């Protein structure tokens, strides 16, 4: 997810000894602010020099690599993101005091592999992460991990598996008071995806609307997640045959993502292709061809080593199998 883990990680980071080092703390606060507004390039500019220096040691250095991996992934730089996560894993895996951080980097690394279409690697990493969260009895983190596994199951067309994970999400969420509206919004997105895969468009639309409202109420309209929420909602409208509403929501989503996340962001590229599909459906073929060509070329460049192809994206008709790009 893009990213339930970030909220958890910010809490972990602020509580670390690094917070006492004012200058570094201010730099990371600036990096977090940039990440929230979708400015991942600035995050890289801030964090990359820090991890290359000897300023940080131990778990704090591992956490910095995680943040850098987030930023590289958002920029579509998959190989640097993979390298950053691997460095974090090597630092954190043998630190008995960094179990939660290690579980988080396994989860985020799994999300990267999932985005690249490497579902077996993704599932193994996310299951390892889930087991670590269970050992620490962190019910909020368990809930987030289960949502990710539900999405992964849907990527592979396993609706029954997704439903099993979402039932566990419901049970775990009752055991914690540490979930916020972002968490609840992601849960609704997962529930909407399951409903849409079962062709229950009314439920999917209701879930996506509620999810979008939660994001907008907490963060405002001008955020990447609000943009992606509109894209998800537009995709559901399109599948329900409500093309006018689909076009309006997708137009809002594409332009919000353009303004907030930028045209290198995976969500923007997927949004272009989904928008093009609906434009074709209403006969706006020239406009559709422009959006599709731009989106497909960028996806092929950005994901040259991935197993998800543009052809498979066309066959799924939209977001279903690539909803991880958020």
Protein backbone atom coordinates (compact mmCIF):
# COMPACT_ATOMS: atom_id res chain seq x y z
CA UNK A 1 0.00 0.00 0.00
CA UNK A 2 1.15 3.52 -0.57
CA UNK A 3 1.54 3.32 2.20
CA UNK A 4 -0.01 2.07 5.40
CA UNK A 5 3.50 1.30 6.55
CA UNK A 6 4.62 4.92 6.21
CA UNK A 7 2.33 6.07 9.01
CA UNK A 8 3.61 3.31 11.29
CA UNK A 9 7.21 4.05 10.34
CA UNK A 10 6.88 7.76 11.11
CA UNK A 11 5.70 6.85 14.61
CA UNK A 12 8.64 4.47 15.05
CA UNK A 13 11.13 7.01 13.72
CA UNK A 14 9.96 9.93 15.84
CA UNK A 15 10.29 7.73 18.90
CA UNK A 16 13.90 6.83 18.12
CA UNK A 17 17.07 8.38 19.59
CA UNK A 18 17.56 10.26 16.34
CA UNK A 19 14.85 12.67 17.43
CA UNK A 20 17.32 14.17 19.90
CA UNK A 21 19.62 15.22 17.07
CA UNK A 22 17.91 18.43 16.08
CA UNK A 23 19.47 19.03 12.68
CA UNK A 24 18.87 15.51 11.41
CA UNK A 25 15.41 15.43 12.91
CA UNK A 26 14.54 18.62 11.06
CA UNK A 27 15.81 17.15 7.80
CA UNK A 28 13.70 14.05 8.19
CA UNK A 29 10.68 16.12 9.19
CA UNK A 30 11.15 17.99 5.92
CA UNK A 31 11.44 14.68 4.09
CA UNK A 32 8.21 13.38 5.66
CA UNK A 33 6.41 16.58 4.69
CA UNK A 34 7.66 16.20 1.12
CA UNK A 35 6.56 12.54 1.02
CA UNK A 36 3.04 13.40 2.22
CA UNK A 37 2.59 15.95 -0.56
CA UNK A 38 3.91 13.50 -3.15
CA UNK A 39 7.28 15.18 -3.70
CA UNK A 40 9.38 12.04 -3.68
CA UNK A 41 12.20 13.69 -5.64
CA UNK A 42 12.80 16.06 -2.72
CA UNK A 43 12.80 13.12 -0.32
CA UNK A 44 15.60 11.52 -2.35
CA UNK A 45 17.55 14.78 -2.38
CA UNK A 46 17.28 15.02 1.42
CA UNK A 47 17.82 11.42 2.46
CA UNK A 48 20.34 10.13 -0.08
CA UNK A 49 23.27 12.23 1.23
CA UNK A 50 22.44 11.19 4.80
CA UNK A 51 22.50 7.45 4.15
CA UNK A 52 25.73 7.81 2.17
CA UNK A 53 27.41 9.53 5.10
CA UNK A 54 28.34 8.02 8.45
CA UNK A 55 25.91 10.27 10.29
CA UNK A 56 23.49 7.47 11.16
CA UNK A 57 24.25 4.09 12.66
CA UNK A 58 22.33 0.91 13.38
CA UNK A 59 18.55 0.91 13.23
CA UNK A 60 18.35 4.62 12.43
CA UNK A 61 20.40 4.04 9.30
CA UNK A 62 18.12 1.16 8.37
CA UNK A 63 15.06 3.37 8.81
CA UNK A 64 16.58 6.02 6.56
CA UNK A 65 17.11 3.41 3.85
CA UNK A 66 13.43 2.46 4.17
CA UNK A 67 12.34 6.04 3.57
CA UNK A 68 14.68 6.30 0.60
CA UNK A 69 13.18 3.10 -0.79
CA UNK A 70 9.67 4.59 -0.46
CA UNK A 71 10.79 7.63 -2.41
CA UNK A 72 12.53 5.68 -5.17
CA UNK A 73 9.47 3.47 -5.59
CA UNK A 74 7.23 6.52 -5.87
CA UNK A 75 9.54 7.85 -8.58
CA UNK A 76 9.26 4.59 -10.50
CA UNK A 77 12.92 3.77 -9.88
CA UNK A 78 12.40 0.14 -8.97
CA UNK A 79 16.00 -1.07 -8.94
CA UNK A 80 17.23 1.72 -6.59
CA UNK A 81 14.17 1.09 -4.42
CA UNK A 82 14.97 -2.62 -4.28
CA UNK A 83 18.57 -1.85 -3.39
CA UNK A 84 17.52 0.55 -0.63
CA UNK A 85 15.18 -2.02 0.91
CA UNK A 86 17.87 -4.70 0.73
CA UNK A 87 20.29 -2.43 2.58
CA UNK A 88 17.66 -1.79 5.25
CA UNK A 89 17.03 -5.54 5.60
CA UNK A 90 20.73 -6.27 6.01
CA UNK A 91 20.98 -3.66 8.77
CA UNK A 92 17.80 -4.51 10.66
CA UNK A 93 17.45 -8.29 10.42
CA UNK A 94 19.86 -9.15 13.26
CA UNK A 95 18.94 -6.27 15.56
CA UNK A 96 16.72 -7.64 18.36
CA UNK A 97 15.58 -4.10 19.18
CA UNK A 98 14.45 -3.38 15.63
CA UNK A 99 11.91 -6.14 15.08
CA UNK A 100 9.12 -3.76 14.08
CA UNK A 101 11.38 -1.90 11.68
CA UNK A 102 12.51 -5.19 10.15
CA UNK A 103 8.90 -6.33 9.78
CA UNK A 104 8.05 -3.04 8.12
CA UNK A 105 10.83 -3.25 5.55
CA UNK A 106 9.79 -6.82 4.70
CA UNK A 107 6.25 -5.52 4.16
CA UNK A 108 7.33 -2.59 2.00
CA UNK A 109 9.77 -4.72 0.02
CA UNK A 110 6.95 -7.17 -0.57
CA UNK A 111 4.80 -4.31 -1.85
CA UNK A 112 7.55 -3.39 -4.32
CA UNK A 113 7.81 -6.95 -5.64
CA UNK A 114 4.03 -7.04 -5.89
CA UNK A 115 4.08 -3.87 -7.97
CA UNK A 116 6.68 -5.51 -10.22
CA UNK A 117 4.44 -8.54 -10.66
CA UNK A 118 6.73 -10.86 -8.67
CA UNK A 119 3.86 -12.26 -6.64
CA UNK A 120 5.66 -15.24 -5.09
CA UNK A 121 8.43 -13.07 -3.66
CA UNK A 122 5.85 -10.53 -2.55
CA UNK A 123 3.73 -13.08 -0.70
CA UNK A 124 6.73 -14.66 1.06
CA UNK A 125 7.97 -11.29 2.31
CA UNK A 126 4.53 -10.12 3.40
CA UNK A 127 3.85 -13.38 5.24
CA UNK A 128 7.18 -13.08 7.06
CA UNK A 129 6.24 -9.54 8.01
CA UNK A 130 2.83 -10.67 9.26
CA UNK A 131 4.40 -13.33 11.49
CA UNK A 132 6.74 -10.78 13.08
CA UNK A 133 3.86 -8.41 13.76
CA UNK A 134 1.93 -11.29 15.31
CA UNK A 135 4.85 -12.10 17.61
CA UNK A 136 4.84 -8.54 18.87
CA UNK A 137 1.03 -8.60 19.16
CA UNK A 138 0.82 -5.33 17.26
CA UNK A 139 -2.80 -5.59 16.14
CA UNK A 140 -2.76 -2.39 14.11
CA UNK A 141 0.27 -3.56 12.13
CA UNK A 142 -1.28 -7.03 11.75
CA UNK A 143 -4.40 -5.38 10.32
CA UNK A 144 -2.37 -3.41 7.79
CA UNK A 145 -0.40 -6.49 6.76
CA UNK A 146 -3.61 -8.46 6.25
CA UNK A 147 -5.02 -5.71 4.02
CA UNK A 148 -1.88 -5.97 1.87
CA UNK A 149 -2.26 -9.74 1.61
CA UNK A 150 -5.90 -9.31 0.65
CA UNK A 151 -4.87 -7.00 -2.19
CA UNK A 152 -2.20 -9.45 -3.27
CA UNK A 153 -4.77 -12.24 -3.39
CA UNK A 154 -6.99 -10.10 -5.60
CA UNK A 155 -4.04 -9.37 -7.89
CA UNK A 156 -3.89 -13.12 -8.46
CA UNK A 157 -7.64 -13.49 -8.94
CA UNK A 158 -8.13 -15.25 -5.61
CA UNK A 159 -11.34 -13.68 -4.29
CA UNK A 160 -11.81 -16.38 -1.65
CA UNK A 161 -8.33 -15.78 -0.29
CA UNK A 162 -8.95 -12.05 -0.21
CA UNK A 163 -12.19 -12.59 1.67
CA UNK A 164 -10.43 -14.75 4.26
CA UNK A 165 -7.86 -12.02 4.86
CA UNK A 166 -10.54 -9.33 5.11
CA UNK A 167 -12.42 -11.37 7.70
CA UNK A 168 -9.20 -11.44 9.71
CA UNK A 169 -8.87 -7.68 9.17
CA UNK A 170 -12.30 -7.21 10.71
CA UNK A 171 -11.37 -9.32 13.75
CA UNK A 172 -7.93 -7.71 14.27
CA UNK A 173 -9.25 -4.18 13.90
CA UNK A 174 -11.50 -4.74 16.91
CA UNK A 175 -8.42 -5.46 19.06
CA UNK A 176 -6.71 -2.09 18.58
CA UNK A 177 -7.41 1.60 19.01
CA UNK A 178 -4.38 2.53 16.89
CA UNK A 179 -6.03 2.59 13.47
CA UNK A 180 -6.71 5.99 11.95
CA UNK A 181 -8.85 7.20 9.07
CA UNK A 182 -6.06 6.42 6.60
CA UNK A 183 -6.14 2.79 7.73
CA UNK A 184 -9.92 2.70 7.52
CA UNK A 185 -9.76 4.20 4.04
CA UNK A 186 -7.34 1.51 2.83
CA UNK A 187 -9.57 -1.19 4.31
CA UNK A 188 -12.51 0.23 2.38
CA UNK A 189 -10.45 0.22 -0.82
CA UNK A 190 -9.68 -3.46 -0.29
CA UNK A 191 -13.33 -4.24 0.40
CA UNK A 192 -14.33 -2.30 -2.70
CA UNK A 193 -11.84 -4.24 -4.82
CA UNK A 194 -13.31 -7.52 -3.61
CA UNK A 195 -16.84 -6.31 -4.35
CA UNK A 196 -15.80 -5.16 -7.82
CA UNK A 197 -14.16 -8.51 -8.60
CA UNK A 198 -17.48 -10.11 -7.69
CA UNK A 199 -19.24 -7.64 -10.01
CA UNK A 200 -21.04 -5.96 -7.11
CA UNK A 201 -20.51 -2.46 -8.47
CA UNK A 202 -22.97 -0.78 -6.09
CA UNK A 203 -21.01 -1.96 -3.03
CA UNK A 204 -17.70 -1.09 -4.67
CA UNK A 205 -18.86 2.44 -5.47
CA UNK A 206 -20.13 2.94 -1.92
CA UNK A 207 -16.85 1.69 -0.43
CA UNK A 208 -14.72 3.83 -2.76
CA UNK A 209 -16.80 6.94 -2.05
CA UNK A 210 -16.45 6.45 1.69
CA UNK A 211 -12.72 5.80 1.33
CA UNK A 212 -12.25 8.97 -0.71
CA UNK A 213 -14.24 11.01 1.81
CA UNK A 214 -12.00 9.80 4.64
CA UNK A 215 -8.85 10.80 2.75
CA UNK A 216 -10.20 14.19 1.76
CA UNK A 217 -11.51 14.98 5.23
CA UNK A 218 -8.14 14.20 6.77
CA UNK A 219 -5.69 15.47 4.16
CA UNK A 220 -7.66 17.70 1.82
CA UNK A 221 -8.30 17.41 -1.89
CA UNK A 222 -4.80 18.15 -3.19
CA UNK A 223 -3.08 14.87 -2.32
CA UNK A 224 -2.00 11.85 -4.38
CA UNK A 225 -4.28 9.54 -2.41
CA UNK A 226 -7.32 11.68 -3.16
CA UNK A 227 -6.34 11.54 -6.82
CA UNK A 228 -6.02 7.76 -6.70
CA UNK A 229 -9.34 7.55 -4.87
CA UNK A 230 -11.04 9.31 -7.76
CA UNK A 231 -9.42 6.87 -10.20
CA UNK A 232 -10.66 3.87 -8.22
CA UNK A 233 -14.14 5.39 -8.04
CA UNK A 234 -14.12 6.18 -11.76
CA UNK A 235 -13.12 2.63 -12.60
CA UNK A 236 -16.06 1.32 -10.56
CA UNK A 237 -18.47 3.75 -12.25
CA UNK A 238 -17.21 2.56 -15.64
CA UNK A 239 -17.76 -1.08 -14.76
CA UNK A 240 -21.29 -0.16 -13.62
CA UNK A 241 -21.96 1.43 -17.01
CA UNK A 242 -22.17 4.92 -15.50
CA UNK A 243 -19.84 6.46 -18.06
CA UNK A 244 -20.54 10.15 -17.47
CA UNK A 245 -19.73 9.78 -13.77
CA UNK A 246 -16.73 7.61 -14.65
CA UNK A 247 -15.31 10.26 -16.97
CA UNK A 248 -15.77 13.01 -14.39
CA UNK A 249 -14.11 11.02 -11.59
CA UNK A 250 -11.26 9.82 -13.81
CA UNK A 251 -10.62 13.33 -15.16
CA UNK A 252 -10.40 14.59 -11.58
CA UNK A 253 -8.11 11.71 -10.63
CA UNK A 254 -5.75 12.10 -13.57
CA UNK A 255 -5.35 15.84 -13.05
CA UNK A 256 -4.99 15.56 -9.27
CA UNK A 257 -2.28 12.96 -9.67
CA UNK A 258 -0.56 15.11 -12.27
CA UNK A 259 -0.49 18.06 -9.86
CA UNK A 260 0.40 16.19 -6.70
CA UNK A 261 2.35 13.03 -7.59
CA UNK A 262 3.69 13.91 -11.02
CA UNK A 263 3.82 12.07 -14.31
CA UNK A 264 6.49 9.60 -13.21
CA UNK A 265 4.23 8.21 -10.51
CA UNK A 266 2.82 4.76 -11.23
CA UNK A 267 -0.65 5.79 -10.17
CA UNK A 268 -0.71 8.59 -12.74
CA UNK A 269 0.40 6.23 -15.51
CA UNK A 270 -2.26 3.65 -14.66
CA UNK A 271 -4.86 6.42 -14.40
CA UNK A 272 -4.02 7.53 -17.95
CA UNK A 273 -4.62 4.04 -19.34
CA UNK A 274 -7.89 3.57 -17.43
CA UNK A 275 -9.10 7.03 -18.50
CA UNK A 276 -8.24 6.20 -22.12
CA UNK A 277 -10.32 3.04 -21.96
CA UNK A 278 -13.43 4.98 -20.88
CA UNK A 279 -12.78 7.73 -23.44
CA UNK A 280 -12.80 5.01 -26.09
CA UNK A 281 -16.12 3.72 -24.78
CA UNK A 282 -17.76 7.11 -25.34
CA UNK A 283 -16.24 7.57 -28.79
CA UNK A 284 -13.50 10.08 -27.93
CA UNK A 285 -10.90 7.94 -29.70
CA UNK A 286 -8.30 10.58 -30.59
CA UNK A 287 -8.10 11.82 -27.02
CA UNK A 288 -8.04 8.23 -25.76
CA UNK A 289 -5.14 7.33 -28.03
CA UNK A 290 -3.06 10.21 -26.67
CA UNK A 291 -3.57 9.23 -23.04
CA UNK A 292 -3.07 5.54 -23.76
CA UNK A 293 0.13 6.01 -25.74
CA UNK A 294 1.69 8.22 -23.09
CA UNK A 295 0.70 5.91 -20.23
CA UNK A 296 1.75 2.67 -21.93
CA UNK A 297 5.12 3.99 -23.06
CA UNK A 298 5.91 5.23 -19.58
CA UNK A 299 4.78 1.97 -17.95
CA UNK A 300 7.02 -0.03 -20.29
CA UNK A 301 10.01 2.21 -19.54
CA UNK A 302 9.35 2.26 -15.81
CA UNK A 303 8.66 -1.42 -15.41
CA UNK A 304 11.03 -2.95 -17.97
CA UNK A 305 11.92 -5.75 -15.56
CA UNK A 306 8.39 -6.41 -14.35
CA UNK A 307 6.19 -9.35 -15.21
CA UNK A 308 3.02 -7.22 -15.46
CA UNK A 309 2.62 -6.12 -19.07
CA UNK A 310 0.57 -3.40 -20.68
CA UNK A 311 -1.30 -6.14 -22.56
CA UNK A 312 -2.39 -7.71 -19.27
CA UNK A 313 -3.51 -4.28 -18.11
CA UNK A 314 -5.69 -3.98 -21.20
CA UNK A 315 -7.15 -7.43 -20.64
CA UNK A 316 -8.11 -6.72 -17.05
CA UNK A 317 -9.84 -3.59 -18.25
CA UNK A 318 -8.39 -1.31 -15.65
CA UNK A 319 -7.22 -1.36 -12.11
CA UNK A 320 -7.99 -4.87 -10.94
CA UNK A 321 -4.62 -6.55 -11.27
CA UNK A 322 -2.47 -3.45 -10.88
CA UNK A 323 -4.21 -1.75 -7.99
CA UNK A 324 -0.97 -2.07 -6.03
CA UNK A 325 0.30 1.06 -7.78
CA UNK A 326 -0.97 3.47 -5.17
